[in-house]
Amino acid sequence: MTPPRPRRGNDNPAGARRKLAAPTVAMLPRIADSLSFLYLDLVRVVQDDTGVRAEINTTQRGTETVHLPTAALSCVLLGPGTSITARALATLARHGTTVLIAGSGGVRCYAATLPESLSTTWLEHQARAWADDQRRMAVAIAMYRRRFGDTDLPTDVNLDTLRGKEGQRVKAHYRLLAQQHRIGRFRRTYDPDSWDTQDPVNLALSAANTCLYGIVHAAILALGCSPALGFVHNGNQQAFVYDIADLYKAELTIPLAFSLHSSSEPEAEARRGFREGLRLFKLLPRIVTDIQRLLAPGTDIATPDPDEQLVDLWDPVLGAVPGGVNYSTGEAQ
C-alpha cells in the first residue's frame, strides 16, 4: 500500500489563502491611488482565512459583517466601542494601513508601522530641509504661499510675521463664512473637557480635522517621512501632519463645518460629508505631490519601480553608492 503523500503548502487551502494575504511591495497600490479612510464605530475588527472584516451584533439584525479592503485603505479610524484582534492589526500593518484610535472627545492616538521595504529618499530630503534654518524657513514660506497664493511677502519675512499673516487670513475666512451662513460671530474653540457644550460648527470642524489628520498622517508614513519633523509646527509627534493638513482646511474642512451650523449630529455628518468631498478633491495624490514639491522643489518625483529599490551605502564624497556589491572585488554579493 502506497503511503499518503505529504501535503504541500499549495495543497492546503488555508495555507494558500495565507500566502495570498501577504502582499509583496509591487502588489500594493501606491498611496496616491489608495482609498482615503474608513471610520468604524461600535464594531469588532477580526481576521479570518479570507481577510479582515468588521462585525457588529444587534438584537434586531443579529451579526452583520463587512469585509475591509486592507491593501487599498490608507487609514482606518477606530472610534469609541471598537475592538481589534492582534491578527487583524498585523494584517493592516503589513499592508501599510495607518490605524488611528479616535476618542469621543476628539483625542487622537496614532498607531502605525512602516513596511520594511520603504525607501528613505523623502525622509532624507525632509531631514536636510528641517535641519537647515534657511531651508526650513523657505519650506514654511512655500507652505504659506501654497495656502494663500500671497506673492507679495517681503524677502526678509520671519516666522512671527508669517504667523501673524496666517492668523489674519484664517480669521477673515471664518468671518466671511459666518456672514454667508448668517450665524453671527464665530470663535474657534477646542476643549475636550467641555466637548458637549460646544456649538455645531466647532464640533463638525474638530471631527473633520480628525479625519484629515489621519489621511495626511497615512500619506506621510507611506512616503517614508517623519510626522514629527514639522516646519511651522514644532515639539509634537504630529508636527508635520499639522503643517500639511493646514494646506487643505480652507477648501475641505472649514466650509463643510460651517455648512453644518444647524445640524443635530454635526460630528457624524462632518465625517460623511468629508468623505464625499474627497471623491472630487483627490486628496491623496495632492498630498503626495505637495510634500515632494515642498521638500525638494525642482526634483524629479517619478515613482521608482519597487523591484529596483535596493539598499544604498553612504559615501561622504560620492553620496549614495549601490549596496549588494563586494567593493574589494567589484562583484555582486
Protein backbone atom coordinates (compact mmCIF):
# COMPACT_ATOMS: atom_id res chain seq x y z
CA MET A 1 0.00 0.00 0.00
CA THR A 2 1.40 3.35 -1.00
CA PRO A 3 1.72 5.72 1.97
CA PRO A 4 -0.19 9.01 1.67
CA ARG A 5 1.77 11.82 0.04
CA PRO A 6 2.59 14.67 2.45
CA ARG A 7 0.51 17.75 1.77
CA ARG A 8 2.50 20.68 0.49
CA GLY A 9 1.68 24.31 1.26
CA ASN A 10 -0.08 24.74 -2.10
CA ASP A 11 -2.31 21.72 -1.36
CA ASN A 12 -3.54 23.31 1.83
CA PRO A 13 -6.36 25.80 1.08
CA ALA A 14 -5.84 27.68 4.35
CA GLY A 15 -2.09 27.89 3.68
CA ALA A 16 -2.69 29.14 0.17
CA ARG A 17 -5.04 31.83 1.42
CA ARG A 18 -2.48 32.96 3.99
CA LYS A 19 0.13 33.22 1.23
CA LEU A 20 -2.17 35.38 -0.85
CA ALA A 21 -2.86 37.57 2.19
CA ALA A 22 0.82 38.53 2.42
CA PRO A 23 1.37 41.08 -0.39
CA THR A 24 4.66 42.00 -1.99
CA VAL A 25 5.67 45.65 -2.39
CA ALA A 26 4.81 45.59 -6.09
CA MET A 27 1.32 44.20 -5.35
CA LEU A 28 0.30 47.04 -3.02
CA PRO A 29 -1.30 50.15 -4.53
CA ARG A 30 0.58 53.42 -4.38
CA ILE A 31 -0.57 55.76 -1.61
CA ALA A 32 -1.85 58.22 -4.26
CA ASP A 33 -4.14 55.51 -5.67
CA SER A 34 -5.45 54.26 -2.32
CA LEU A 35 -8.88 54.78 -0.80
CA SER A 36 -8.95 57.65 1.67
CA PHE A 37 -10.14 56.41 5.06
CA LEU A 38 -12.69 54.21 6.79
CA TYR A 39 -14.33 55.18 10.08
CA LEU A 40 -15.54 52.31 12.28
CA ASP A 41 -17.65 52.67 15.42
CA LEU A 42 -19.09 50.05 17.80
CA VAL A 43 -17.64 47.12 15.85
CA ARG A 44 -15.16 44.29 16.36
CA VAL A 45 -12.39 44.00 13.74
CA VAL A 46 -11.17 40.44 13.23
CA GLN A 47 -9.05 38.39 10.82
CA ASP A 48 -10.06 35.10 9.22
CA ASP A 49 -8.69 32.99 6.35
CA THR A 50 -10.24 35.31 3.77
CA GLY A 51 -9.09 38.65 5.17
CA VAL A 52 -10.02 41.35 7.68
CA ARG A 53 -13.65 42.03 8.47
CA ALA A 54 -15.69 44.26 10.77
CA GLU A 55 -18.50 42.66 12.77
CA ILE A 56 -21.40 44.27 14.58
CA ASN A 57 -24.03 42.49 16.67
CA THR A 58 -27.52 43.89 17.20
CA THR A 59 -30.66 42.32 18.63
CA GLN A 60 -32.65 43.36 15.56
CA ARG A 61 -30.34 42.08 12.82
CA GLY A 62 -28.00 39.67 14.57
CA THR A 63 -24.38 39.63 13.31
CA GLU A 64 -23.54 41.77 10.29
CA THR A 65 -20.16 41.58 8.55
CA VAL A 66 -18.29 43.97 6.28
CA HIS A 67 -15.04 42.83 4.63
CA LEU A 68 -12.32 45.51 4.58
CA PRO A 69 -10.09 46.13 1.52
CA THR A 70 -6.99 46.46 3.69
CA ALA A 71 -4.44 46.63 0.87
CA ALA A 72 -6.25 49.62 -0.67
CA LEU A 73 -7.01 51.55 2.55
CA SER A 74 -4.80 54.45 3.60
CA CYS A 75 -6.25 54.93 7.06
CA VAL A 76 -8.66 53.18 9.42
CA LEU A 77 -10.17 55.27 12.21
CA LEU A 78 -11.38 53.24 15.20
CA GLY A 79 -13.96 55.20 17.17
CA PRO A 80 -15.43 54.52 20.62
CA GLY A 81 -16.74 50.99 21.19
CA THR A 82 -14.39 49.29 18.72
CA SER A 83 -12.01 46.41 19.34
CA ILE A 84 -9.44 44.78 17.08
CA THR A 85 -7.60 41.46 17.23
CA ALA A 86 -3.83 41.10 17.01
CA ARG A 87 -4.07 39.20 13.70
CA ALA A 88 -6.22 41.91 12.12
CA LEU A 89 -3.89 44.67 13.33
CA ALA A 90 -0.88 42.76 11.98
CA THR A 91 -2.54 42.48 8.56
CA LEU A 92 -3.30 46.21 8.47
CA ALA A 93 0.31 46.97 9.42
CA ARG A 94 1.66 44.59 6.79
CA HIS A 95 -0.46 46.29 4.12
CA GLY A 96 0.83 49.73 5.16
CA THR A 97 -2.52 50.94 6.53
CA THR A 98 -2.43 53.60 9.26
CA VAL A 99 -4.60 52.74 12.28
CA LEU A 100 -5.94 55.73 14.18
CA ILE A 101 -7.68 55.49 17.55
CA ALA A 102 -10.16 58.37 17.91
CA GLY A 103 -11.76 59.10 21.26
CA SER A 104 -15.22 60.56 21.75
CA GLY A 105 -13.69 63.91 22.65
CA GLY A 106 -11.59 64.05 19.51
CA VAL A 107 -8.48 62.89 21.38
CA ARG A 108 -6.20 61.16 18.90
CA CYS A 109 -3.59 58.47 19.33
CA TYR A 110 -1.88 57.30 16.15
CA ALA A 111 -0.52 53.77 15.83
CA ALA A 112 1.23 52.67 12.65
CA THR A 113 4.04 50.53 11.32
CA LEU A 114 6.05 51.02 8.17
CA PRO A 115 6.78 48.38 5.52
CA GLU A 116 10.39 47.24 5.72
CA SER A 117 10.99 47.88 2.01
CA LEU A 118 10.08 51.58 2.21
CA SER A 119 12.67 53.93 0.70
CA THR A 120 14.24 56.68 2.85
CA THR A 121 14.58 59.10 -0.08
CA TRP A 122 11.95 61.57 1.10
CA LEU A 123 12.86 61.22 4.77
CA GLU A 124 16.38 62.31 3.85
CA HIS A 125 15.00 65.31 1.90
CA GLN A 126 12.85 66.21 4.90
CA ALA A 127 15.67 65.87 7.44
CA ARG A 128 18.06 68.02 5.40
CA ALA A 129 15.47 70.77 4.90
CA TRP A 130 14.40 70.65 8.57
CA ALA A 131 17.95 70.81 9.96
CA ASP A 132 18.96 73.86 7.88
CA ASP A 133 17.38 77.06 9.22
CA GLN A 134 17.33 78.80 5.83
CA ARG A 135 15.80 75.82 4.03
CA ARG A 136 13.29 75.31 6.86
CA MET A 137 12.18 78.92 6.53
CA ALA A 138 11.92 78.51 2.75
CA VAL A 139 9.61 75.50 3.20
CA ALA A 140 7.46 77.45 5.70
CA ILE A 141 7.12 80.33 3.22
CA ALA A 142 6.28 77.88 0.41
CA MET A 143 3.53 76.37 2.61
CA TYR A 144 2.07 79.82 3.26
CA ARG A 145 2.08 80.68 -0.45
CA ARG A 146 0.51 77.34 -1.33
CA ARG A 147 -2.33 78.10 1.08
CA PHE A 148 -2.97 81.75 0.29
CA GLY A 149 -1.20 82.45 -3.01
CA ASP A 150 0.48 85.53 -1.49
CA THR A 151 3.41 86.53 -3.69
CA ASP A 152 3.92 89.93 -2.01
CA LEU A 153 5.81 88.64 1.02
CA PRO A 154 8.96 90.65 1.79
CA THR A 155 12.25 88.88 1.15
CA ASP A 156 13.26 89.23 4.82
CA VAL A 157 9.98 87.85 6.25
CA ASN A 158 10.34 85.97 9.54
CA LEU A 159 8.15 83.37 11.24
CA ASP A 160 6.49 85.91 13.54
CA THR A 161 5.30 87.91 10.52
CA LEU A 162 4.27 84.73 8.73
CA ARG A 163 2.22 83.51 11.71
CA GLY A 164 0.56 86.90 12.04
CA LYS A 165 -0.43 86.96 8.38
CA GLU A 166 -1.71 83.38 8.58
CA GLY A 167 -3.86 84.23 11.61
CA GLN A 168 -5.36 87.25 9.85
CA ARG A 169 -6.21 85.22 6.74
CA VAL A 170 -7.86 82.41 8.73
CA LYS A 171 -9.93 84.82 10.86
CA ALA A 172 -11.08 86.62 7.72
CA HIS A 173 -12.12 83.26 6.24
CA TYR A 174 -14.11 82.41 9.38
CA ARG A 175 -15.78 85.84 9.32
CA LEU A 176 -16.76 85.51 5.66
CA LEU A 177 -18.29 82.04 6.12
CA ALA A 178 -20.12 83.16 9.27
CA GLN A 179 -21.69 86.02 7.29
CA GLN A 180 -22.65 83.71 4.42
CA HIS A 181 -24.40 81.29 6.78
CA ARG A 182 -25.82 84.08 9.00
CA ILE A 183 -24.65 82.59 12.28
CA GLY A 184 -23.23 85.73 13.85
CA ARG A 185 -19.77 85.94 15.33
CA PHE A 186 -17.74 82.72 15.32
CA ARG A 187 -14.81 81.83 17.58
CA ARG A 188 -12.78 78.68 17.03
CA THR A 189 -12.54 76.61 20.25
CA TYR A 190 -11.33 73.13 21.04
CA ASP A 191 -11.98 71.91 24.57
CA PRO A 192 -12.16 68.12 25.12
CA ASP A 193 -13.23 68.68 28.74
CA SER A 194 -16.37 70.59 27.61
CA TRP A 195 -16.99 68.72 24.40
CA ASP A 196 -20.80 68.50 24.56
CA THR A 197 -21.24 72.22 25.22
CA GLN A 198 -19.56 73.36 22.01
CA ASP A 199 -21.51 74.71 19.05
CA PRO A 200 -22.15 72.55 15.94
CA VAL A 201 -19.56 74.35 13.79
CA ASN A 202 -16.75 73.68 16.25
CA LEU A 203 -17.85 70.06 16.73
CA ALA A 204 -18.02 69.48 12.97
CA LEU A 205 -14.66 71.18 12.38
CA SER A 206 -12.94 69.05 15.04
CA ALA A 207 -14.43 65.84 13.61
CA ALA A 208 -13.50 66.69 10.02
CA ASN A 209 -9.99 67.77 11.03
CA THR A 210 -9.52 64.43 12.84
CA CYS A 211 -10.23 62.60 9.57
CA LEU A 212 -7.95 64.96 7.66
CA TYR A 213 -5.09 64.43 10.11
CA GLY A 214 -5.46 60.66 9.75
CA ILE A 215 -5.24 60.77 5.95
CA VAL A 216 -2.28 63.17 5.98
CA HIS A 217 -0.52 61.02 8.59
CA ALA A 218 -1.04 57.93 6.40
CA ALA A 219 0.38 59.70 3.32
CA ILE A 220 3.42 60.98 5.25
CA LEU A 221 4.20 57.49 6.52
CA ALA A 222 3.67 55.96 3.08
CA LEU A 223 6.30 58.33 1.67
CA GLY A 224 8.68 57.36 4.46
CA CYS A 225 8.74 60.86 6.01
CA SER A 226 8.65 61.65 9.72
CA PRO A 227 5.37 63.04 11.15
CA ALA A 228 7.39 64.73 13.92
CA LEU A 229 9.71 66.98 11.85
CA GLY A 230 7.48 69.97 11.22
CA PHE A 231 8.43 73.26 9.58
CA VAL A 232 5.82 75.58 11.08
CA HIS A 233 4.59 73.41 13.95
CA ASN A 234 7.15 72.08 16.40
CA GLY A 235 7.58 69.97 19.53
CA ASN A 236 4.91 67.37 18.79
CA GLN A 237 4.98 63.92 17.20
CA GLN A 238 2.38 65.12 14.66
CA ALA A 239 4.01 68.49 13.84
CA PHE A 240 4.47 67.72 10.12
CA VAL A 241 0.94 66.28 9.99
CA TYR A 242 -0.44 69.62 11.18
CA ASP A 243 1.76 71.50 8.68
CA ILE A 244 0.44 69.56 5.68
CA ALA A 245 -3.17 69.37 6.89
CA ASP A 246 -3.29 73.17 7.11
CA LEU A 247 -2.82 73.32 3.33
CA TYR A 248 -6.31 71.88 2.76
CA LYS A 249 -8.52 73.05 5.64
CA ALA A 250 -9.73 76.20 3.87
CA GLU A 251 -11.00 74.11 0.95
CA LEU A 252 -12.19 71.00 2.76
CA THR A 253 -12.98 71.07 6.45
CA ILE A 254 -13.79 74.72 7.25
CA PRO A 255 -16.54 75.27 4.63
CA LEU A 256 -18.00 71.86 5.49
CA ALA A 257 -18.16 72.69 9.20
CA PHE A 258 -19.95 75.99 8.62
CA SER A 259 -22.49 74.28 6.37
CA LEU A 260 -23.46 72.09 9.36
CA HIS A 261 -24.16 75.01 11.72
CA SER A 262 -27.73 73.83 12.34
CA SER A 263 -27.06 70.08 12.34
CA SER A 264 -28.22 67.91 15.25
CA GLU A 265 -25.40 65.43 14.53
CA PRO A 266 -22.52 67.63 13.33
CA GLU A 267 -19.73 65.10 14.03
CA ALA A 268 -21.28 62.20 12.11
CA GLU A 269 -22.39 64.44 9.24
CA ALA A 270 -18.94 66.04 9.08
CA ARG A 271 -17.28 62.64 8.64
CA ARG A 272 -19.75 61.59 5.95
CA GLY A 273 -19.56 64.94 4.15
CA PHE A 274 -15.79 64.96 4.33
CA ARG A 275 -15.60 61.51 2.74
CA GLU A 276 -17.96 62.56 -0.07
CA GLY A 277 -15.94 65.68 -0.74
CA LEU A 278 -12.74 63.69 -1.15
CA ARG A 279 -14.06 61.98 -4.27
CA LEU A 280 -13.81 65.22 -6.22
CA PHE A 281 -10.88 66.72 -4.32
CA LYS A 282 -8.49 63.77 -4.97
CA LEU A 283 -6.70 64.49 -1.71
CA LEU A 284 -4.12 61.69 -1.55
CA PRO A 285 -2.43 62.48 -4.89
CA ARG A 286 -2.32 66.15 -3.89
CA ILE A 287 -0.73 65.38 -0.51
CA VAL A 288 1.99 63.25 -2.09
CA THR A 289 2.79 65.82 -4.78
CA ASP A 290 2.71 68.78 -2.38
CA ILE A 291 5.06 67.11 0.11
CA GLN A 292 7.53 66.21 -2.62
CA ARG A 293 7.47 69.70 -4.14
CA LEU A 294 7.86 71.37 -0.74
CA LEU A 295 10.77 69.21 0.38
CA ALA A 296 12.65 69.03 -2.92
CA PRO A 297 11.49 71.70 -5.37
CA GLY A 298 12.68 71.03 -8.89
CA THR A 299 13.48 67.38 -8.18
CA ASP A 300 12.18 64.60 -10.41
CA ILE A 301 9.38 62.97 -8.41
CA ALA A 302 8.84 59.93 -10.62
CA THR A 303 7.99 56.85 -8.54
CA PRO A 304 10.73 54.19 -8.78
CA ASP A 305 9.94 50.57 -9.53
CA PRO A 306 9.61 48.77 -6.14
CA ASP A 307 11.55 45.80 -7.53
CA GLU A 308 14.54 48.07 -8.21
CA GLN A 309 14.68 49.71 -4.77
CA LEU A 310 17.84 48.35 -3.13
CA VAL A 311 19.64 49.48 -0.01
CA ASP A 312 22.35 52.03 -0.86
CA LEU A 313 25.57 52.75 1.01
CA TRP A 314 26.61 56.23 2.16
CA ASP A 315 29.80 57.78 0.84
CA PRO A 316 30.96 61.24 2.03
CA VAL A 317 32.35 62.08 -1.43
CA LEU A 318 30.14 60.24 -3.91
CA GLY A 319 26.91 60.33 -1.95
CA ALA A 320 24.82 57.16 -2.28
CA VAL A 321 26.53 54.16 -3.86
CA PRO A 322 24.82 50.84 -4.70
CA GLY A 323 24.56 48.23 -1.98
CA GLY A 324 24.84 44.50 -2.51
CA VAL A 325 28.34 44.84 -4.03
CA ASN A 326 31.61 43.50 -2.65
CA TYR A 327 33.84 46.54 -3.14
CA SER A 328 37.03 44.53 -2.68
CA THR A 329 36.30 42.62 -5.91
CA GLY A 330 33.56 44.69 -7.57
CA GLU A 331 31.32 41.63 -7.70
CA ALA A 332 27.77 41.33 -6.50
CA GLN A 333 27.40 39.75 -3.06
